N, C-alpha and C. Protein backbone atom coordinates (compact mmCIF):
# COMPACT_ATOMS: atom_id res chain seq x y z
N MET A 1 -6.39 -2.19 21.88
CA MET A 1 -7.23 -2.16 21.19
C MET A 1 -7.43 -4.15 20.58
N GLN A 2 -6.69 -4.49 20.96
CA GLN A 2 -6.77 -6.33 20.85
C GLN A 2 -7.40 -6.25 21.35
N GLN A 3 -6.92 -6.00 22.76
CA GLN A 3 -8.19 -7.26 23.95
C GLN A 3 -9.67 -6.85 24.50
N ARG A 4 -9.51 -5.25 23.96
CA ARG A 4 -11.51 -4.62 23.18
C ARG A 4 -11.44 -5.83 22.65
N LEU A 5 -11.75 -6.02 21.40
CA LEU A 5 -11.38 -6.99 20.02
C LEU A 5 -11.56 -8.38 20.82
N ALA A 6 -10.66 -8.53 21.25
CA ALA A 6 -11.07 -10.24 22.31
C ALA A 6 -12.24 -10.43 23.70
N ARG A 7 -12.55 -8.72 24.01
CA ARG A 7 -13.08 -9.55 24.43
C ARG A 7 -14.38 -9.06 24.22
N GLY A 8 -14.51 -9.06 23.29
CA GLY A 8 -16.21 -8.57 22.38
C GLY A 8 -16.44 -7.50 22.67
N GLU A 9 -15.76 -6.19 22.74
CA GLU A 9 -16.98 -4.84 22.78
C GLU A 9 -16.70 -4.72 21.33
N ALA A 10 -17.26 -4.21 21.00
CA ALA A 10 -18.28 -3.62 19.32
C ALA A 10 -17.84 -2.74 19.40
N ALA A 11 -17.32 -1.64 20.50
CA ALA A 11 -17.03 -0.42 20.26
C ALA A 11 -16.06 -0.19 19.63
N ALA A 12 -14.55 -1.60 19.75
CA ALA A 12 -13.36 -0.95 19.76
C ALA A 12 -13.05 -1.84 17.46
N LEU A 13 -14.34 -2.55 17.24
CA LEU A 13 -14.26 -2.72 15.79
C LEU A 13 -14.60 -1.50 15.95
N GLY A 14 -15.36 -1.20 16.32
CA GLY A 14 -15.75 0.59 16.08
C GLY A 14 -14.61 1.69 14.66
N GLU A 15 -14.24 1.87 15.87
CA GLU A 15 -12.70 2.21 16.41
C GLU A 15 -11.86 2.07 15.05
N LEU A 16 -11.45 0.66 15.17
CA LEU A 16 -10.13 0.30 13.77
C LEU A 16 -11.10 0.20 13.35
N TYR A 17 -12.08 0.35 12.49
CA TYR A 17 -13.19 0.22 11.32
C TYR A 17 -12.72 1.77 10.80
N ASP A 18 -13.21 2.69 11.75
CA ASP A 18 -13.35 4.04 12.21
C ASP A 18 -11.41 4.28 11.37
N ARG A 19 -10.84 4.07 11.89
CA ARG A 19 -9.21 4.15 12.02
C ARG A 19 -8.62 3.49 10.31
N PHE A 20 -9.34 2.68 9.81
CA PHE A 20 -9.05 1.82 8.99
C PHE A 20 -9.64 1.52 7.36
N ALA A 21 -10.48 2.05 8.01
CA ALA A 21 -11.74 1.09 6.45
C ALA A 21 -10.85 2.06 5.03
N SER A 22 -10.71 3.38 5.45
CA SER A 22 -10.26 3.96 4.19
C SER A 22 -9.30 3.21 4.07
N LEU A 23 -8.35 2.73 4.49
CA LEU A 23 -7.08 2.49 4.05
C LEU A 23 -7.41 0.67 3.21
N VAL A 24 -8.03 0.44 4.25
CA VAL A 24 -8.53 -1.50 4.15
C VAL A 24 -8.74 -0.73 1.94
N HIS A 25 -10.30 -0.09 2.11
CA HIS A 25 -11.08 -0.16 0.69
C HIS A 25 -10.16 0.40 0.02
N SER A 26 -8.87 1.81 0.43
CA SER A 26 -8.36 2.16 -1.43
C SER A 26 -6.99 0.93 -1.41
N LEU A 27 -6.04 0.09 0.06
CA LEU A 27 -5.69 -0.80 -0.58
C LEU A 27 -6.13 -1.74 -1.68
N ALA A 28 -7.31 -2.56 -0.93
CA ALA A 28 -8.23 -3.69 -2.08
C ALA A 28 -8.83 -2.53 -3.18
N HIS A 29 -8.89 -1.65 -3.49
CA HIS A 29 -9.22 -0.97 -4.45
C HIS A 29 -8.36 -1.40 -5.79
N ARG A 30 -7.00 -0.78 -5.14
CA ARG A 30 -6.15 -0.82 -6.10
C ARG A 30 -5.58 -1.93 -6.70
N VAL A 31 -5.62 -2.83 -5.95
CA VAL A 31 -5.60 -4.64 -6.21
C VAL A 31 -6.38 -4.87 -7.24
N LEU A 32 -8.27 -4.49 -6.61
CA LEU A 32 -8.36 -5.33 -7.66
C LEU A 32 -9.11 -3.93 -8.88
N ASP A 33 -9.75 -2.68 -8.04
CA ASP A 33 -9.48 -1.88 -9.13
C ASP A 33 -10.98 -2.03 -9.54
N ASP A 34 -12.19 -2.59 -8.14
CA ASP A 34 -13.53 -2.48 -8.56
C ASP A 34 -13.95 -1.98 -7.07
N ASP A 35 -14.44 -1.22 -7.12
CA ASP A 35 -15.45 -0.47 -5.74
C ASP A 35 -16.21 -1.96 -5.50
N ALA A 36 -16.96 -2.66 -6.19
CA ALA A 36 -17.83 -3.62 -4.86
C ALA A 36 -16.73 -4.85 -4.70
N ALA A 37 -15.79 -5.05 -4.86
CA ALA A 37 -15.17 -6.18 -4.68
C ALA A 37 -14.05 -5.26 -3.90
N ALA A 38 -13.74 -4.09 -3.54
CA ALA A 38 -13.16 -3.71 -2.71
C ALA A 38 -14.32 -3.85 -1.43
N ASP A 39 -15.74 -3.12 -1.34
CA ASP A 39 -16.42 -3.41 -0.34
C ASP A 39 -16.36 -4.68 0.68
N GLN A 40 -16.66 -5.84 -0.63
CA GLN A 40 -16.42 -6.27 -0.29
C GLN A 40 -14.77 -7.65 0.98
N ILE A 41 -14.36 -6.94 -0.14
CA ILE A 41 -12.74 -7.32 0.93
C ILE A 41 -12.13 -6.10 2.57
N THR A 42 -12.88 -5.31 1.66
CA THR A 42 -13.33 -4.34 3.10
C THR A 42 -14.12 -5.27 4.25
N ARG A 43 -15.39 -5.63 3.87
CA ARG A 43 -16.58 -6.23 5.08
C ARG A 43 -15.56 -7.49 5.06
N GLU A 44 -14.90 -8.74 4.80
CA GLU A 44 -14.27 -9.07 5.18
C GLU A 44 -13.01 -9.67 5.90
N VAL A 45 -11.82 -8.16 5.94
CA VAL A 45 -10.95 -8.16 6.46
C VAL A 45 -10.89 -8.12 7.81
N PHE A 46 -12.20 -7.28 7.79
CA PHE A 46 -13.02 -6.17 9.29
C PHE A 46 -13.80 -7.53 10.22
N GLY A 47 -14.57 -8.58 9.47
CA GLY A 47 -15.34 -9.50 9.62
C GLY A 47 -14.66 -10.63 10.38
N TYR A 48 -12.75 -10.96 10.05
CA TYR A 48 -11.85 -11.16 9.64
C TYR A 48 -11.50 -11.29 11.70
N VAL A 49 -11.40 -9.64 10.56
CA VAL A 49 -10.14 -8.93 12.56
C VAL A 49 -11.34 -9.69 14.18
N TRP A 50 -12.70 -9.54 14.08
CA TRP A 50 -13.53 -9.38 15.56
C TRP A 50 -13.60 -10.67 15.15
N GLU A 51 -13.61 -11.71 14.83
CA GLU A 51 -13.93 -13.68 14.53
C GLU A 51 -12.27 -13.69 15.39
N ASN A 52 -11.09 -13.04 14.46
CA ASN A 52 -9.26 -13.48 15.04
C ASN A 52 -8.88 -12.73 15.75
N PRO A 53 -9.34 -11.68 16.63
CA PRO A 53 -8.58 -10.60 17.64
C PRO A 53 -6.87 -11.05 18.02
N ASP A 54 -7.11 -12.51 18.31
CA ASP A 54 -5.98 -12.74 18.64
C ASP A 54 -5.07 -13.56 17.61
N ALA A 55 -4.93 -13.59 16.40
CA ALA A 55 -4.36 -13.53 15.38
C ALA A 55 -3.47 -12.60 15.14
N TYR A 56 -3.43 -11.39 15.60
CA TYR A 56 -2.84 -9.84 15.70
C TYR A 56 -1.63 -10.58 16.53
N ASP A 57 -0.28 -9.73 16.59
CA ASP A 57 0.63 -10.48 17.21
C ASP A 57 1.58 -8.76 17.22
N PRO A 58 1.71 -7.86 17.96
CA PRO A 58 2.14 -7.09 17.74
C PRO A 58 3.63 -6.59 18.01
N LYS A 59 3.74 -8.13 18.96
CA LYS A 59 5.58 -8.49 18.15
C LYS A 59 6.08 -8.64 16.46
N GLN A 60 5.06 -8.53 15.71
CA GLN A 60 5.97 -8.60 13.94
C GLN A 60 5.14 -7.25 13.27
N GLY A 61 4.54 -6.09 14.34
CA GLY A 61 4.28 -4.71 13.77
C GLY A 61 3.28 -3.98 13.80
N SER A 62 3.10 -2.95 13.16
CA SER A 62 2.11 -2.55 14.04
C SER A 62 0.09 -3.30 13.71
N MET A 63 -1.22 -2.26 14.35
CA MET A 63 -1.85 -2.68 14.26
C MET A 63 -2.75 -2.63 12.70
N ARG A 64 -2.13 -1.68 12.55
CA ARG A 64 -1.90 -1.10 10.75
C ARG A 64 -1.78 -1.59 9.77
N SER A 65 -0.16 -2.33 10.42
CA SER A 65 0.12 -3.23 9.08
C SER A 65 -0.21 -4.28 8.94
N TRP A 66 0.00 -4.42 10.26
CA TRP A 66 -1.49 -6.03 10.08
C TRP A 66 -2.53 -5.94 9.43
N VAL A 67 -3.55 -5.25 9.08
CA VAL A 67 -4.91 -4.69 8.84
C VAL A 67 -3.70 -4.74 7.05
N ALA A 68 -2.98 -4.05 6.84
CA ALA A 68 -2.99 -3.64 5.89
C ALA A 68 -2.29 -5.49 5.25
N LYS A 69 -1.54 -6.23 5.96
CA LYS A 69 -1.21 -7.31 5.07
C LYS A 69 -1.90 -8.08 5.01
N LEU A 70 -3.53 -8.09 6.04
CA LEU A 70 -4.75 -8.81 5.26
C LEU A 70 -5.38 -8.34 4.87
N THR A 71 -5.56 -6.91 4.27
CA THR A 71 -5.86 -7.32 2.76
C THR A 71 -5.05 -7.09 2.08
N HIS A 72 -4.24 -7.31 1.82
CA HIS A 72 -3.30 -7.19 0.91
C HIS A 72 -4.19 -8.42 0.29
N ARG A 73 -3.49 -9.52 1.45
CA ARG A 73 -3.32 -10.87 1.60
C ARG A 73 -4.87 -11.12 0.30
N GLN A 74 -5.82 -10.71 0.77
CA GLN A 74 -7.34 -11.15 0.85
C GLN A 74 -7.47 -10.53 -0.65
N ALA A 75 -7.11 -9.04 -1.19
CA ALA A 75 -7.00 -8.82 -1.79
C ALA A 75 -6.94 -9.55 -3.36
N VAL A 76 -5.77 -9.70 -3.26
CA VAL A 76 -4.93 -10.79 -4.18
C VAL A 76 -5.60 -12.14 -4.51
N HIS A 77 -5.70 -12.59 -3.51
CA HIS A 77 -6.33 -14.18 -3.12
C HIS A 77 -7.49 -13.49 -4.11
N ARG A 78 -8.23 -13.19 -4.33
CA ARG A 78 -9.64 -12.87 -4.87
C ARG A 78 -9.38 -12.59 -6.11
N LEU A 79 -8.33 -11.62 -6.53
CA LEU A 79 -8.16 -11.41 -7.89
C LEU A 79 -7.40 -12.23 -8.61
N ARG A 80 -7.07 -12.91 -7.76
CA ARG A 80 -6.50 -14.85 -8.73
C ARG A 80 -7.31 -15.39 -8.88
N GLN A 81 -8.19 -15.52 -8.11
CA GLN A 81 -9.45 -16.52 -8.08
C GLN A 81 -10.22 -15.13 -9.71
N THR A 82 -10.35 -14.39 -9.26
CA THR A 82 -11.82 -14.03 -10.36
C THR A 82 -10.94 -14.08 -11.58
N GLU A 83 -9.56 -13.81 -12.11
CA GLU A 83 -8.25 -13.94 -13.32
C GLU A 83 -8.50 -15.58 -13.80
N ALA A 84 -8.39 -16.48 -12.37
CA ALA A 84 -7.93 -17.38 -12.90
C ALA A 84 -9.21 -18.09 -13.52
N ALA A 85 -10.60 -17.85 -12.48
CA ALA A 85 -11.59 -17.36 -13.19
C ALA A 85 -12.24 -17.72 -14.80
N ALA A 86 -11.80 -16.34 -15.25
CA ALA A 86 -12.18 -15.89 -16.02
C ALA A 86 -11.20 -16.68 -17.18
N LEU A 87 -9.88 -16.76 -17.31
CA LEU A 87 -9.29 -17.76 -18.34
C LEU A 87 -9.31 -19.11 -18.20
N ARG A 88 -10.39 -20.25 -17.47
CA ARG A 88 -10.84 -21.00 -17.33
C ARG A 88 -11.97 -20.90 -18.31
N ASP A 89 -13.33 -20.05 -18.15
CA ASP A 89 -14.21 -19.97 -18.93
C ASP A 89 -13.93 -19.40 -20.54
N GLY A 90 -12.21 -18.70 -20.72
CA GLY A 90 -12.58 -18.68 -21.81
C GLY A 90 -12.61 -16.83 -21.68
N GLY A 91 -13.08 -16.30 -21.14
CA GLY A 91 -13.00 -15.67 -20.70
C GLY A 91 -11.34 -14.03 -20.53
N GLY A 92 -11.00 -14.50 -20.15
CA GLY A 92 -9.84 -14.23 -20.02
C GLY A 92 -9.53 -13.69 -20.97
N ASP A 93 -7.97 -12.88 -21.53
CA ASP A 93 -7.67 -12.92 -22.25
C ASP A 93 -6.47 -12.19 -21.62
N GLY A 94 -5.88 -14.28 -21.15
CA GLY A 94 -4.20 -13.34 -21.29
C GLY A 94 -3.56 -14.98 -20.96
N THR A 95 -2.59 -15.32 -19.67
CA THR A 95 -1.90 -16.51 -19.56
C THR A 95 -1.99 -16.59 -17.76
N SER A 96 -1.32 -17.98 -17.73
CA SER A 96 -1.54 -17.44 -16.15
C SER A 96 -0.47 -17.01 -15.59
N GLU A 97 0.27 -16.95 -16.57
CA GLU A 97 1.97 -16.60 -16.87
C GLU A 97 1.43 -14.80 -16.60
N GLU A 98 1.26 -14.13 -17.95
CA GLU A 98 0.47 -12.69 -17.77
C GLU A 98 -0.76 -12.49 -15.78
N LEU A 99 -0.99 -13.25 -15.44
CA LEU A 99 -2.45 -13.10 -14.56
C LEU A 99 -1.25 -12.88 -13.31
N GLU A 100 -0.43 -13.29 -13.11
CA GLU A 100 0.86 -13.54 -12.08
C GLU A 100 1.45 -12.13 -12.10
N GLN A 101 2.13 -12.02 -14.15
CA GLN A 101 2.22 -10.47 -13.68
C GLN A 101 1.28 -8.86 -12.95
N LYS A 102 0.39 -9.48 -13.79
CA LYS A 102 -0.92 -8.63 -12.63
C LYS A 102 -1.20 -8.47 -11.37
N VAL A 103 -0.77 -9.61 -10.90
CA VAL A 103 -0.60 -9.46 -9.03
C VAL A 103 0.41 -9.32 -8.97
N ARG A 104 1.40 -9.59 -9.84
CA ARG A 104 2.76 -8.68 -8.81
C ARG A 104 2.57 -7.03 -8.88
N ARG A 105 2.19 -6.69 -10.06
CA ARG A 105 2.03 -5.03 -10.84
C ARG A 105 0.68 -4.69 -9.73
N ALA A 106 0.15 -5.43 -8.86
CA ALA A 106 -1.05 -4.78 -8.08
C ALA A 106 -1.13 -4.62 -6.76
N SER A 107 0.09 -5.72 -6.86
CA SER A 107 0.51 -5.24 -5.63
C SER A 107 1.60 -4.58 -5.17
N ALA A 108 2.58 -4.34 -6.48
CA ALA A 108 3.43 -3.32 -6.23
C ALA A 108 2.80 -1.99 -6.11
N ALA A 109 1.69 -1.82 -6.76
CA ALA A 109 0.69 -0.75 -6.81
C ALA A 109 -0.32 0.18 -5.24
N ALA A 110 -0.35 -1.53 -4.47
CA ALA A 110 -1.04 -1.51 -3.69
C ALA A 110 0.11 -1.34 -2.53
N ARG A 111 1.22 -1.82 -2.92
CA ARG A 111 2.12 -1.59 -1.53
C ARG A 111 2.65 -0.14 -0.85
N ALA A 112 2.89 0.88 -2.72
CA ALA A 112 3.82 1.70 -2.63
C ALA A 112 2.40 2.60 -2.57
N ASP A 113 1.33 2.79 -2.25
CA ASP A 113 0.60 3.29 -2.12
C ASP A 113 0.07 3.81 -0.12
N TYR A 114 0.59 2.32 0.01
CA TYR A 114 0.52 2.23 1.21
C TYR A 114 1.73 2.29 2.19
N ILE A 115 3.07 2.40 1.50
CA ILE A 115 4.02 3.44 2.05
C ILE A 115 4.21 4.57 1.81
N VAL A 116 3.75 4.93 1.25
CA VAL A 116 3.13 6.69 0.95
C VAL A 116 2.19 7.16 1.95
N THR A 117 1.24 6.86 1.81
CA THR A 117 0.10 6.65 3.30
C THR A 117 0.60 6.73 4.97
N SER A 118 1.66 5.48 4.65
CA SER A 118 3.30 5.67 5.90
C SER A 118 3.27 6.16 7.07
N MET A 119 4.25 6.29 5.30
CA MET A 119 5.41 7.29 5.59
C MET A 119 5.16 8.68 6.39
N PRO A 120 6.06 9.13 7.23
CA PRO A 120 5.93 10.52 7.62
C PRO A 120 5.58 11.80 6.98
N ALA A 121 4.75 13.10 7.59
CA ALA A 121 3.88 13.91 6.78
C ALA A 121 5.00 14.75 6.26
N PRO A 122 6.35 14.68 6.17
CA PRO A 122 7.70 15.70 5.95
C PRO A 122 7.70 15.12 4.18
N LEU A 123 8.84 13.45 4.53
CA LEU A 123 9.01 13.09 3.11
C LEU A 123 7.41 13.03 2.27
N ARG A 124 6.14 12.73 2.90
CA ARG A 124 4.72 13.02 1.74
C ARG A 124 5.08 13.95 1.52
N ALA A 125 5.16 15.11 2.01
CA ALA A 125 4.50 16.28 1.41
C ALA A 125 5.40 16.74 0.44
N ALA A 126 6.81 16.15 1.01
CA ALA A 126 8.08 16.52 -0.68
C ALA A 126 8.00 15.70 -1.83
N LEU A 127 7.36 14.53 -1.87
CA LEU A 127 7.04 13.61 -2.52
C LEU A 127 5.97 14.04 -3.71
N GLU A 128 4.75 14.26 -2.80
CA GLU A 128 3.91 14.49 -3.91
C GLU A 128 3.66 16.41 -4.43
N LEU A 129 4.09 16.93 -3.66
CA LEU A 129 4.59 18.45 -4.11
C LEU A 129 6.16 18.04 -5.66
N ALA A 130 6.77 16.97 -5.47
CA ALA A 130 8.28 16.56 -6.19
C ALA A 130 7.03 15.53 -7.76
N TYR A 131 6.32 14.86 -7.44
CA TYR A 131 5.51 14.30 -8.29
C TYR A 131 4.48 14.59 -9.01
N PHE A 132 3.52 14.59 -7.95
CA PHE A 132 2.40 15.26 -8.57
C PHE A 132 2.01 16.76 -8.94
N GLN A 133 2.87 17.83 -8.14
CA GLN A 133 2.87 19.36 -8.87
C GLN A 133 3.89 19.31 -9.60
N ARG A 134 4.77 18.56 -9.70
CA ARG A 134 5.85 18.71 -10.62
C ARG A 134 6.61 19.92 -10.64
N ARG A 135 7.21 20.17 -8.95
CA ARG A 135 8.14 20.89 -8.27
C ARG A 135 9.51 19.85 -8.57
N ASP A 136 10.55 20.82 -8.77
CA ASP A 136 11.92 20.42 -8.50
C ASP A 136 12.60 20.60 -7.19
N TYR A 137 12.97 19.74 -6.46
CA TYR A 137 13.77 19.96 -5.27
C TYR A 137 13.39 21.31 -4.74
N ARG A 138 14.45 22.55 -6.00
CA ARG A 138 14.24 23.65 -5.32
C ARG A 138 12.92 24.13 -4.71
N GLN A 139 11.79 23.75 -6.26
CA GLN A 139 10.58 24.55 -6.18
C GLN A 139 9.94 23.56 -4.11
N THR A 140 10.69 22.38 -4.43
CA THR A 140 10.43 22.11 -3.33
C THR A 140 10.31 22.69 -1.80
N ALA A 141 11.17 22.87 -2.50
CA ALA A 141 11.92 23.50 -0.57
C ALA A 141 11.62 24.92 -0.14
N ALA A 142 11.39 25.29 -1.67
CA ALA A 142 10.48 26.94 -1.18
C ALA A 142 9.33 27.01 -0.49
N ASP A 143 8.77 25.61 -1.36
CA ASP A 143 7.37 25.31 -1.06
C ASP A 143 7.02 24.81 0.44
N LEU A 144 7.82 24.26 1.09
CA LEU A 144 8.21 23.68 2.08
C LEU A 144 9.04 24.36 3.34
N GLY A 145 9.39 25.50 2.44
CA GLY A 145 10.48 26.15 3.60
C GLY A 145 11.04 25.51 4.32
N VAL A 146 12.23 25.06 3.63
CA VAL A 146 13.37 24.09 4.78
C VAL A 146 14.45 24.60 2.94
N THR A 147 15.47 23.91 3.25
CA THR A 147 16.56 24.10 2.75
C THR A 147 16.49 23.05 1.49
N GLU A 148 17.23 23.58 0.20
CA GLU A 148 17.39 23.02 -0.57
C GLU A 148 18.14 21.38 -0.17
N ASP A 149 19.32 21.13 -0.13
CA ASP A 149 19.80 20.11 1.33
C ASP A 149 18.58 19.41 2.12
N GLU A 150 17.87 19.46 2.47
CA GLU A 150 16.71 18.84 3.45
C GLU A 150 15.93 18.64 2.21
N ALA A 151 14.99 19.08 0.93
CA ALA A 151 14.02 19.22 0.33
C ALA A 151 14.86 18.26 -0.34
N ARG A 152 16.33 17.86 -0.97
CA ARG A 152 16.75 16.37 -1.83
C ARG A 152 16.68 14.83 -0.42
N ARG A 153 16.79 15.61 0.48
CA ARG A 153 17.25 14.14 1.80
C ARG A 153 16.06 14.08 1.76
N ARG A 154 14.76 14.62 2.06
CA ARG A 154 13.24 14.13 2.10
C ARG A 154 13.08 13.11 0.81
N LEU A 155 13.06 13.63 -0.29
CA LEU A 155 12.48 13.06 -1.58
C LEU A 155 14.07 11.83 -1.68
N ARG A 156 15.05 11.91 -1.17
CA ARG A 156 15.83 10.72 -1.83
C ARG A 156 15.17 9.56 -0.66
N LEU A 157 15.12 9.95 0.89
CA LEU A 157 13.74 8.93 1.42
C LEU A 157 12.97 9.16 1.43
N GLY A 158 12.34 9.78 0.22
CA GLY A 158 11.24 8.86 0.34
C GLY A 158 11.11 8.01 -1.38
N LEU A 159 12.03 8.17 -2.30
CA LEU A 159 12.11 7.51 -3.14
C LEU A 159 12.77 6.13 -2.29
N GLN A 160 13.42 6.27 -2.04
CA GLN A 160 13.66 5.28 -1.03
C GLN A 160 12.90 4.30 -0.24
N LEU A 161 12.02 4.60 0.57
CA LEU A 161 10.80 4.04 0.85
C LEU A 161 10.62 2.57 0.06
N LEU A 162 9.83 4.27 -1.24
CA LEU A 162 9.09 3.25 -1.56
C LEU A 162 9.17 2.16 -2.75
N SER A 163 10.69 2.89 -2.96
CA SER A 163 12.01 1.20 -4.35
C SER A 163 11.65 -0.10 -3.35
N THR A 164 10.80 0.18 -2.47
CA THR A 164 10.83 -1.41 -1.92
C THR A 164 9.77 -1.69 -2.32
N ALA A 165 8.48 -0.77 -2.61
CA ALA A 165 7.27 -1.58 -2.94
C ALA A 165 7.56 -2.55 -4.16
N ASN A 166 8.42 -2.36 -4.64
CA ASN A 166 9.38 -3.31 -6.26
C ASN A 166 9.90 -3.69 -6.64
N PRO A 167 10.43 -5.32 -5.82
CA PRO A 167 11.60 -5.09 -6.07
C PRO A 167 12.45 -5.31 -7.21
N ARG A 168 12.10 -4.45 -8.16
CA ARG A 168 12.98 -4.75 -9.67
C ARG A 168 13.64 -3.13 -9.29
N TYR A 169 13.29 -2.52 -8.84
CA TYR A 169 14.11 -0.92 -7.99
C TYR A 169 15.73 -1.21 -7.18
N GLN A 170 15.16 -2.44 -6.44
CA GLN A 170 15.79 -2.88 -5.71
C GLN A 170 17.83 -3.88 -6.15
N ASP A 171 18.81 -3.74 -6.43
CA ASP A 171 20.25 -4.16 -6.57
C ASP A 171 20.45 -5.52 -6.50
N GLY A 172 20.39 -5.13 -4.80
CA GLY A 172 21.27 -6.56 -4.34
C GLY A 172 21.64 -6.22 -2.78
N HIS A 173 22.52 -5.08 -3.33
CA HIS A 173 23.42 -4.60 -2.56
C HIS A 173 22.36 -3.67 -1.34
N GLY A 174 20.90 -3.35 -1.47
CA GLY A 174 20.38 -2.48 -1.05
C GLY A 174 19.40 -1.52 -1.66
N LEU A 175 19.43 -1.08 -1.27
CA LEU A 175 18.29 0.21 -2.18
C LEU A 175 18.68 1.26 -3.01
N SER A 176 18.06 0.24 -4.28
CA SER A 176 18.66 1.55 -5.87
C SER A 176 17.15 2.80 -6.07
N SER A 177 17.85 4.01 -6.67
CA SER A 177 16.38 4.65 -7.21
C SER A 177 15.79 3.85 -8.23
N PRO A 178 14.53 4.37 -8.64
CA PRO A 178 13.89 4.06 -9.75
C PRO A 178 14.56 4.51 -10.98
N PRO A 179 14.01 3.60 -12.23
CA PRO A 179 14.86 4.87 -13.61
C PRO A 179 14.95 5.84 -13.20
N GLY A 180 16.36 6.63 -13.71
CA GLY A 180 16.11 8.03 -14.56
C GLY A 180 16.42 9.26 -13.54
N TYR A 181 15.63 8.63 -11.76
CA TYR A 181 16.01 9.32 -10.64
C TYR A 181 17.84 9.82 -10.62
N GLY A 182 17.56 10.64 -10.17
CA GLY A 182 19.44 11.56 -9.86
C GLY A 182 19.69 11.63 -11.41
N GLN A 183 19.30 11.15 -12.53
CA GLN A 183 20.14 11.90 -13.46
C GLN A 183 19.96 13.25 -13.94
N HIS A 184 20.74 14.48 -13.90
CA HIS A 184 21.06 15.76 -14.32
C HIS A 184 19.75 15.99 -15.63
N ARG A 185 19.49 16.98 -15.67
CA ARG A 185 18.27 17.24 -17.09
C ARG A 185 19.05 18.16 -18.20
């Protein structure tokens, strides 16, 4: 893909867009909470990819990860610009510290979205059942047709991956679970 982009093959950009546009738009929207701004970020990211195909280094990760990183960087930059301008103009209702907190929250949310969409389907399915459909691990196991131990393993791995989205959930000795996880009811 990178070589085709470097040769200027418009079809390669089209394929890349088809593959990653929804990811780019959803990550940008998650950070900015604005459809028009997410549309603009999507155009900017694919414009950058088209103009700078050699900026991608396969040794640093997948094309998907690179595009997500570009999106995150551009969306956070836009959020900082927008919020800082609002603060300067008196239209904002906060401080620069609150702006940075907002950026951190938006970044963690976007990273969590990316992690969930990137994780293997069995882990994602278990998390979706447990969190969106409010199933416990026994119900999750039954719905997925796996053992209860396997359901717990999938949920634990999925939560460990998600915990990397927010450094607050890391204990310095590796990953820890979000507050309340693993407590008996």
